[in-house]
N, C-alpha and C. Protein backbone atom coordinates (compact mmCIF):
# COMPACT_ATOMS: atom_id res chain seq x y z
N MET A 1 39.43 -24.88 5.97
CA MET A 1 40.16 -24.59 7.62
C MET A 1 39.16 -25.33 8.11
N LYS A 2 40.16 -26.37 9.18
CA LYS A 2 39.45 -27.25 10.27
C LYS A 2 39.60 -27.13 11.68
N PHE A 3 38.48 -27.17 12.11
CA PHE A 3 38.73 -27.17 13.52
C PHE A 3 38.15 -28.31 14.43
N VAL A 4 38.78 -28.84 15.29
CA VAL A 4 38.43 -29.82 16.15
C VAL A 4 38.38 -29.62 17.53
N ALA A 5 37.22 -30.34 18.37
CA ALA A 5 37.31 -30.17 19.59
C ALA A 5 36.57 -31.29 20.25
N LYS A 6 37.15 -31.47 21.69
CA LYS A 6 36.80 -32.87 22.24
C LYS A 6 36.56 -32.37 23.62
N GLU A 7 35.19 -33.10 23.92
CA GLU A 7 34.92 -32.90 25.47
C GLU A 7 34.38 -34.34 26.00
N ASP A 8 35.06 -34.53 27.19
CA ASP A 8 34.43 -35.77 28.08
C ASP A 8 33.27 -35.23 28.60
N VAL A 9 32.09 -36.35 28.70
CA VAL A 9 30.92 -35.94 29.06
C VAL A 9 30.54 -37.21 29.99
N ALA A 10 29.86 -36.77 31.11
CA ALA A 10 29.43 -37.84 32.23
C ALA A 10 28.10 -38.51 31.64
N LEU A 11 27.87 -39.05 30.50
CA LEU A 11 26.68 -39.56 30.32
C LEU A 11 27.19 -40.92 29.36
N PRO A 12 26.51 -42.01 29.36
CA PRO A 12 26.69 -43.30 28.52
C PRO A 12 26.64 -42.76 27.01
N GLN A 13 27.48 -43.46 26.35
CA GLN A 13 27.46 -43.03 24.87
C GLN A 13 25.85 -43.05 24.10
N LYS A 14 25.23 -44.37 24.42
CA LYS A 14 24.13 -44.24 23.83
C LYS A 14 23.22 -43.05 24.15
N VAL A 15 23.18 -42.64 25.40
CA VAL A 15 22.16 -41.77 26.08
C VAL A 15 22.58 -40.45 25.23
N LEU A 16 23.98 -40.29 25.39
CA LEU A 16 24.55 -38.82 24.65
C LEU A 16 24.03 -38.80 23.44
N PHE A 17 24.08 -39.94 22.74
CA PHE A 17 23.78 -39.93 21.02
C PHE A 17 22.23 -39.85 20.84
N GLU A 18 21.32 -40.32 21.76
CA GLU A 18 19.97 -40.23 21.65
C GLU A 18 19.68 -38.87 21.84
N ILE A 19 20.28 -38.28 22.64
CA ILE A 19 19.96 -36.83 22.82
C ILE A 19 20.23 -35.85 21.65
N MET A 20 21.25 -36.39 21.02
CA MET A 20 21.98 -35.55 20.03
C MET A 20 21.11 -35.80 18.84
N ALA A 21 20.29 -37.01 18.72
CA ALA A 21 19.55 -37.34 17.60
C ALA A 21 18.40 -36.75 17.72
N ASP A 22 17.75 -36.07 18.77
CA ASP A 22 16.68 -35.26 19.01
C ASP A 22 16.77 -33.86 18.18
N PHE A 23 16.59 -34.13 16.73
CA PHE A 23 16.63 -33.09 15.87
C PHE A 23 15.51 -31.98 16.25
N GLN A 24 14.11 -32.20 16.60
CA GLN A 24 13.42 -31.44 16.83
C GLN A 24 13.57 -30.38 18.00
N MET A 25 14.46 -31.13 18.97
CA MET A 25 15.02 -30.06 19.97
C MET A 25 15.78 -29.12 19.69
N PHE A 26 16.68 -29.41 18.62
CA PHE A 26 17.65 -28.28 18.11
C PHE A 26 17.12 -27.50 17.03
N GLU A 27 16.00 -27.84 16.29
CA GLU A 27 15.26 -27.05 15.71
C GLU A 27 14.49 -25.75 16.45
N ARG A 28 13.91 -26.45 17.49
CA ARG A 28 13.26 -25.49 18.59
C ARG A 28 14.23 -24.50 19.08
N VAL A 29 15.60 -24.67 19.45
CA VAL A 29 16.47 -24.08 19.99
C VAL A 29 16.82 -23.00 18.66
N ALA A 30 17.15 -23.37 17.69
CA ALA A 30 17.27 -22.48 16.56
C ALA A 30 16.25 -21.49 16.40
N ILE A 31 15.09 -21.89 16.57
CA ILE A 31 13.91 -20.75 16.49
C ILE A 31 13.87 -19.98 17.51
N ARG A 32 14.01 -20.44 18.69
CA ARG A 32 14.35 -19.52 19.90
C ARG A 32 15.23 -18.53 19.49
N ARG A 33 16.34 -18.76 18.76
CA ARG A 33 17.24 -17.87 18.49
C ARG A 33 17.05 -16.88 17.41
N GLY A 34 15.93 -17.04 16.96
CA GLY A 34 15.67 -16.10 15.65
C GLY A 34 15.84 -16.55 14.30
N VAL A 35 16.21 -18.14 14.17
CA VAL A 35 16.23 -18.53 12.82
C VAL A 35 15.02 -19.20 12.45
N GLU A 36 14.65 -18.73 10.96
CA GLU A 36 13.53 -19.42 10.61
C GLU A 36 14.04 -20.75 9.98
N VAL A 37 13.51 -22.09 10.53
CA VAL A 37 13.93 -23.20 10.25
C VAL A 37 12.59 -24.09 9.33
N THR A 38 12.95 -24.65 8.18
CA THR A 38 12.03 -25.30 7.39
C THR A 38 12.60 -26.78 7.09
N ARG A 39 12.00 -27.87 7.80
CA ARG A 39 12.60 -29.15 7.59
C ARG A 39 11.87 -29.80 6.33
N SER A 40 12.71 -30.68 5.67
CA SER A 40 12.11 -31.38 4.46
C SER A 40 12.53 -32.98 4.82
N GLY A 41 12.11 -33.91 4.67
CA GLY A 41 12.41 -35.27 4.92
C GLY A 41 11.65 -35.62 6.24
N SER A 42 11.96 -37.01 6.61
CA SER A 42 11.18 -37.53 7.79
C SER A 42 12.17 -37.65 8.80
N ILE A 43 11.76 -37.43 9.98
CA ILE A 43 12.63 -37.47 11.47
C ILE A 43 12.68 -39.13 11.57
N ALA A 44 11.96 -39.81 11.50
CA ALA A 44 11.95 -41.00 11.68
C ALA A 44 12.77 -41.81 10.80
N ALA A 45 12.78 -41.61 9.55
CA ALA A 45 13.88 -42.19 8.62
C ALA A 45 15.27 -41.56 9.02
N ALA A 46 15.28 -40.37 9.05
CA ALA A 46 16.50 -39.70 9.36
C ALA A 46 17.51 -39.74 8.03
N ASP A 47 17.10 -40.45 7.24
CA ASP A 47 17.77 -40.46 5.71
C ASP A 47 17.17 -39.30 4.93
N GLY A 48 17.74 -38.51 4.37
CA GLY A 48 17.44 -37.51 3.54
C GLY A 48 16.85 -36.03 4.25
N LEU A 49 17.26 -36.03 5.52
CA LEU A 49 16.76 -34.99 6.48
C LEU A 49 17.58 -33.68 5.97
N LYS A 50 16.70 -32.63 5.81
CA LYS A 50 17.21 -31.48 5.17
C LYS A 50 16.38 -30.12 6.00
N TRP A 51 17.33 -29.10 6.16
CA TRP A 51 16.91 -27.79 6.85
C TRP A 51 17.36 -26.72 6.15
N ASP A 52 16.24 -26.21 5.68
CA ASP A 52 16.52 -24.75 5.16
C ASP A 52 16.23 -23.75 6.10
N CYS A 53 17.29 -22.92 6.42
CA CYS A 53 17.50 -21.96 7.56
C CYS A 53 17.53 -20.23 6.89
N THR A 54 17.15 -19.26 7.64
CA THR A 54 17.13 -18.10 7.17
C THR A 54 17.38 -17.37 8.61
N PHE A 55 18.38 -16.49 8.66
CA PHE A 55 18.81 -15.96 9.67
C PHE A 55 19.46 -14.72 9.63
N GLU A 56 19.56 -13.68 10.56
CA GLU A 56 20.03 -12.29 10.35
C GLU A 56 21.50 -12.45 11.14
N PHE A 57 22.60 -11.90 10.50
CA PHE A 57 23.99 -12.30 11.09
C PHE A 57 24.86 -10.82 10.39
N ARG A 58 24.95 -10.30 11.30
CA ARG A 58 25.82 -9.08 11.22
C ARG A 58 25.06 -8.20 10.20
N GLY A 59 23.69 -7.96 10.54
CA GLY A 59 23.02 -6.91 9.83
C GLY A 59 22.37 -7.28 8.49
N ARG A 60 22.59 -8.50 8.01
CA ARG A 60 22.00 -9.03 6.80
C ARG A 60 21.31 -10.29 6.91
N ASP A 61 20.18 -10.51 5.99
CA ASP A 61 19.81 -11.85 5.98
C ASP A 61 20.52 -12.78 5.35
N ARG A 62 20.87 -13.89 6.03
CA ARG A 62 21.53 -15.15 5.39
C ARG A 62 20.62 -16.29 5.43
N THR A 63 21.10 -17.06 4.52
CA THR A 63 20.50 -18.39 4.27
C THR A 63 21.39 -19.60 4.18
N ALA A 64 21.08 -20.96 4.65
CA ALA A 64 21.82 -21.68 4.87
C ALA A 64 21.04 -23.36 4.61
N CYS A 65 21.33 -24.25 4.20
CA CYS A 65 20.98 -25.41 3.96
C CYS A 65 21.77 -26.37 4.61
N VAL A 66 21.16 -26.94 5.46
CA VAL A 66 22.08 -28.10 6.43
C VAL A 66 21.35 -29.46 6.09
N ARG A 67 22.04 -30.25 5.81
CA ARG A 67 21.66 -31.50 5.14
C ARG A 67 22.21 -32.70 6.04
N LEU A 68 21.67 -33.68 6.49
CA LEU A 68 22.17 -34.93 7.43
C LEU A 68 22.54 -35.89 6.33
N ALA A 69 24.10 -36.09 6.31
CA ALA A 69 24.97 -36.65 5.48
C ALA A 69 25.09 -38.06 5.59
N GLU A 70 25.20 -38.26 7.19
CA GLU A 70 25.76 -39.37 7.73
C GLU A 70 24.85 -39.57 9.15
N PHE A 71 24.27 -40.87 9.49
CA PHE A 71 23.64 -40.87 10.77
C PHE A 71 24.02 -42.37 11.16
N SER A 72 25.18 -42.71 11.80
CA SER A 72 25.60 -43.99 12.20
C SER A 72 25.30 -43.87 13.83
N ALA A 73 24.09 -44.44 14.34
CA ALA A 73 23.92 -44.73 15.67
C ALA A 73 24.68 -45.71 16.16
N PRO A 74 25.28 -45.70 17.47
CA PRO A 74 25.36 -44.40 18.34
C PRO A 74 26.80 -43.76 18.40
N GLU A 75 27.38 -43.63 17.18
CA GLU A 75 28.69 -43.30 16.97
C GLU A 75 29.12 -41.87 16.23
N LYS A 76 28.47 -41.67 15.17
CA LYS A 76 28.65 -40.59 14.28
C LYS A 76 27.33 -40.19 13.57
N THR A 77 27.56 -38.47 13.28
CA THR A 77 26.62 -38.01 12.72
C THR A 77 27.44 -36.96 12.00
N MET A 78 27.07 -36.68 10.71
CA MET A 78 27.74 -35.85 9.90
C MET A 78 26.76 -34.84 9.12
N PHE A 79 27.14 -33.51 8.75
CA PHE A 79 26.23 -32.54 8.32
C PHE A 79 26.88 -31.93 7.41
N PHE A 80 26.26 -31.60 6.34
CA PHE A 80 26.83 -30.63 5.23
C PHE A 80 25.90 -29.43 5.24
N ILE A 81 26.60 -28.06 5.44
CA ILE A 81 25.75 -26.89 5.39
C ILE A 81 26.58 -26.12 4.57
N THR A 82 25.53 -25.73 3.71
CA THR A 82 25.84 -24.95 2.50
C THR A 82 25.14 -23.68 2.49
N ASN A 83 25.89 -22.58 1.98
CA ASN A 83 25.37 -21.35 1.98
C ASN A 83 26.02 -20.69 0.82
N PRO A 84 25.31 -19.58 0.09
CA PRO A 84 26.28 -18.91 -1.01
C PRO A 84 27.76 -18.72 -0.89
N ALA A 85 28.15 -18.60 0.25
CA ALA A 85 29.46 -18.06 0.39
C ALA A 85 30.35 -19.14 0.86
N LEU A 86 29.98 -20.35 1.74
CA LEU A 86 30.76 -21.03 2.23
C LEU A 86 30.08 -22.56 2.12
N ASP A 87 30.91 -23.44 2.37
CA ASP A 87 30.52 -25.00 2.50
C ASP A 87 31.17 -25.78 3.86
N ASN A 88 30.29 -26.08 4.56
CA ASN A 88 30.83 -26.39 5.94
C ASN A 88 30.45 -27.86 6.04
N ARG A 89 31.46 -28.53 6.39
CA ARG A 89 31.19 -30.23 7.20
C ARG A 89 31.32 -30.24 8.29
N VAL A 90 30.29 -30.79 9.05
CA VAL A 90 30.16 -30.68 10.38
C VAL A 90 30.37 -32.19 10.75
N GLU A 91 31.27 -32.80 11.34
CA GLU A 91 31.02 -34.27 11.83
C GLU A 91 31.11 -34.40 13.34
N ILE A 92 30.14 -34.97 14.01
CA ILE A 92 30.04 -34.90 15.26
C ILE A 92 30.22 -36.74 15.88
N THR A 93 31.27 -37.20 16.57
CA THR A 93 31.25 -38.65 17.01
C THR A 93 31.39 -38.55 18.36
N VAL A 94 30.59 -39.76 18.82
CA VAL A 94 30.58 -39.92 20.34
C VAL A 94 31.08 -41.36 20.54
N SER A 95 32.09 -41.43 21.39
CA SER A 95 32.75 -42.67 21.46
C SER A 95 32.76 -42.92 23.19
N ALA A 96 32.76 -44.24 23.50
CA ALA A 96 32.57 -44.61 24.87
C ALA A 96 33.91 -44.58 25.50
N LEU A 97 34.02 -43.93 26.74
CA LEU A 97 35.21 -44.26 27.44
C LEU A 97 35.08 -45.28 28.53
N SER A 98 33.82 -45.37 29.27
CA SER A 98 33.40 -46.19 29.89
C SER A 98 31.86 -46.39 29.99
N LYS A 99 31.41 -47.27 30.99
CA LYS A 99 29.85 -47.57 30.94
C LYS A 99 29.08 -46.12 31.06
N LYS A 100 29.74 -45.11 31.88
CA LYS A 100 28.90 -43.94 32.25
C LYS A 100 29.57 -42.84 31.86
N GLN A 101 30.66 -42.71 30.94
CA GLN A 101 31.40 -41.79 30.49
C GLN A 101 31.62 -41.86 28.83
N SER A 102 31.71 -40.89 28.04
CA SER A 102 31.78 -40.84 26.93
C SER A 102 32.44 -39.44 26.13
N ARG A 103 32.86 -39.44 24.95
CA ARG A 103 33.71 -38.46 24.35
C ARG A 103 32.90 -37.96 23.20
N PHE A 104 32.77 -36.62 23.32
CA PHE A 104 31.93 -35.93 22.39
C PHE A 104 33.11 -35.03 21.63
N GLN A 105 33.00 -35.48 20.28
CA GLN A 105 34.34 -34.89 19.24
C GLN A 105 33.30 -34.05 18.41
N VAL A 106 33.69 -32.68 17.95
CA VAL A 106 33.26 -32.09 17.00
C VAL A 106 34.11 -31.68 16.08
N SER A 107 34.15 -31.72 14.69
CA SER A 107 35.29 -31.53 13.84
C SER A 107 34.31 -30.67 12.70
N THR A 108 34.81 -29.59 12.26
CA THR A 108 34.37 -28.93 11.26
C THR A 108 35.11 -28.53 10.19
N VAL A 109 34.87 -28.48 8.92
CA VAL A 109 35.96 -27.89 7.69
C VAL A 109 35.13 -26.81 7.04
N LEU A 110 35.67 -25.55 7.00
CA LEU A 110 34.93 -24.68 6.21
C LEU A 110 35.70 -24.53 4.73
N GLU A 111 34.92 -24.43 3.89
CA GLU A 111 35.28 -24.43 2.32
C GLU A 111 34.67 -23.31 1.97
N PRO A 112 35.70 -22.03 1.65
CA PRO A 112 34.94 -20.77 0.86
C PRO A 112 34.79 -21.30 -0.48
N LYS A 113 33.67 -20.36 -1.13
CA LYS A 113 33.27 -20.52 -2.35
C LYS A 113 33.43 -19.11 -3.15
N THR A 114 33.55 -18.05 -2.42
CA THR A 114 33.78 -16.60 -2.88
C THR A 114 34.99 -15.89 -2.31
N LEU A 115 35.22 -14.98 -3.19
CA LEU A 115 36.55 -14.22 -2.88
C LEU A 115 36.09 -13.74 -1.39
N THR A 116 35.24 -13.06 -0.94
CA THR A 116 34.93 -12.59 0.47
C THR A 116 35.17 -13.65 1.24
N ALA A 117 34.52 -14.77 0.99
CA ALA A 117 34.62 -15.95 1.99
C ALA A 117 36.16 -16.48 2.05
N ARG A 118 36.81 -16.33 1.34
CA ARG A 118 38.20 -16.73 1.13
C ARG A 118 38.97 -15.89 2.08
N LEU A 119 38.62 -14.37 1.86
CA LEU A 119 39.35 -13.41 2.97
C LEU A 119 38.92 -13.70 4.53
N LEU A 120 37.58 -14.12 4.51
CA LEU A 120 37.15 -14.22 5.59
C LEU A 120 38.21 -15.58 6.42
N VAL A 121 37.97 -16.67 5.58
CA VAL A 121 38.77 -17.96 6.03
C VAL A 121 40.28 -17.66 6.44
N GLN A 122 40.87 -16.59 5.14
CA GLN A 122 42.26 -16.36 5.64
C GLN A 122 42.70 -15.63 6.78
N SER A 123 41.70 -14.64 7.05
CA SER A 123 41.93 -13.69 8.29
C SER A 123 41.78 -14.95 9.65
N MET A 124 40.76 -16.01 9.33
CA MET A 124 40.57 -16.78 10.64
C MET A 124 41.81 -17.74 10.83
N LYS A 125 42.67 -17.99 9.38
CA LYS A 125 44.03 -18.76 9.92
C LYS A 125 44.89 -17.70 10.46
N LEU A 126 44.97 -16.73 10.26
CA LEU A 126 45.84 -15.90 10.87
C LEU A 126 45.58 -15.70 12.43
N ALA A 127 44.44 -15.98 12.82
CA ALA A 127 44.14 -15.82 14.10
C ALA A 127 43.51 -17.28 14.47
N ARG A 128 44.35 -18.20 14.01
CA ARG A 128 43.61 -19.71 14.29
C ARG A 128 43.55 -19.83 15.81
N SER A 129 44.41 -19.58 16.70
CA SER A 129 44.45 -20.18 18.09
C SER A 129 43.26 -19.44 18.84
N LYS A 130 43.04 -18.13 18.28
CA LYS A 130 41.73 -17.45 18.98
C LYS A 130 40.58 -18.26 18.55
N TYR A 131 40.36 -18.59 17.43
CA TYR A 131 39.21 -19.36 17.04
C TYR A 131 38.95 -20.71 17.37
N ASN A 132 40.26 -21.33 17.68
CA ASN A 132 40.17 -22.57 18.25
C ASN A 132 39.64 -22.67 19.43
N LYS A 133 40.10 -21.40 20.27
CA LYS A 133 39.82 -21.65 21.73
C LYS A 133 38.25 -21.28 21.69
N ARG A 134 37.77 -20.17 20.74
CA ARG A 134 36.30 -20.04 20.91
C ARG A 134 35.52 -21.18 20.20
N PHE A 135 36.03 -21.98 19.53
CA PHE A 135 35.40 -23.22 19.20
C PHE A 135 35.18 -24.16 20.48
N GLN A 136 36.55 -24.41 20.74
CA GLN A 136 36.66 -25.17 22.11
C GLN A 136 35.53 -25.18 23.13
N LYS A 137 35.49 -23.50 23.64
CA LYS A 137 34.73 -23.35 24.38
C LYS A 137 33.28 -23.38 24.05
N ARG A 138 32.72 -23.15 23.09
CA ARG A 138 31.39 -23.42 22.50
C ARG A 138 31.23 -24.77 22.64
N VAL A 139 32.07 -25.85 21.99
CA VAL A 139 31.42 -27.43 22.15
C VAL A 139 31.64 -27.64 23.66
N ALA A 140 32.37 -27.09 24.49
CA ALA A 140 32.31 -27.43 26.20
C ALA A 140 30.91 -27.01 26.62
N GLU A 141 30.43 -25.77 26.15
CA GLU A 141 29.12 -25.27 26.51
C GLU A 141 27.94 -26.31 26.05
N VAL A 142 28.08 -26.66 24.86
CA VAL A 142 26.92 -27.69 24.21
C VAL A 142 27.02 -28.90 24.79
N ALA A 143 28.24 -29.51 25.28
CA ALA A 143 28.33 -30.70 26.14
C ALA A 143 27.65 -30.38 27.44
N LYS A 144 27.89 -29.33 28.27
CA LYS A 144 27.32 -29.04 29.47
C LYS A 144 25.85 -29.24 29.43
N GLU A 145 25.26 -28.51 28.24
CA GLU A 145 23.71 -28.53 27.98
C GLU A 145 23.28 -30.04 27.84
N LEU A 146 24.07 -30.69 27.05
CA LEU A 146 23.64 -32.12 26.82
C LEU A 146 23.50 -32.74 28.00
N VAL A 147 24.47 -32.69 29.02
CA VAL A 147 24.81 -33.25 30.32
C VAL A 147 23.30 -33.01 31.10
N ALA A 148 23.02 -31.67 30.93
CA ALA A 148 21.85 -31.22 31.96
C ALA A 148 20.74 -31.93 31.09
N LEU A 149 20.49 -32.38 29.87
CA LEU A 149 19.38 -32.73 29.18
C LEU A 149 19.31 -34.27 29.55
N GLY A 150 20.66 -34.95 29.60
CA GLY A 150 20.63 -36.08 30.16
C GLY A 150 20.04 -36.51 31.46
N ALA A 151 20.41 -35.62 32.37
CA ALA A 151 20.12 -35.72 33.89
C ALA A 151 18.59 -35.56 34.07
N ALA A 152 18.08 -34.77 33.05
CA ALA A 152 16.71 -34.26 33.21
C ALA A 152 15.73 -35.53 32.92
């Protein structure tokens, strides 16, 4: 199942991408939300970066491995997120609209690996418009947060 959301941001492409490339900031955000994060690989190199995450979701402990698959500054970042039930590919693209504006596009593809995950994804397909709206809303919130960070 695929979700795509676009948001126009009042930041230059390079500035927006630099904020998004601050992986340590995103680690701190995850830790504040109760996620245990263990990074392997070098932040400076950005190649081979991987995060092992443990968190509680719906009353159960979950694990996920987030791997940086592609890092093409200042345009594109791709992550592969795997856990025992789902594989998820997240692609973030930043394109310049003008000198002071850029477009932030996030696409994600969910691929179930278990029967339970297949049922979850199938139910999401039935309520696709609801989940598309949620995804768009969350991407808009993230875009606002990135603009606030860029203004600081």
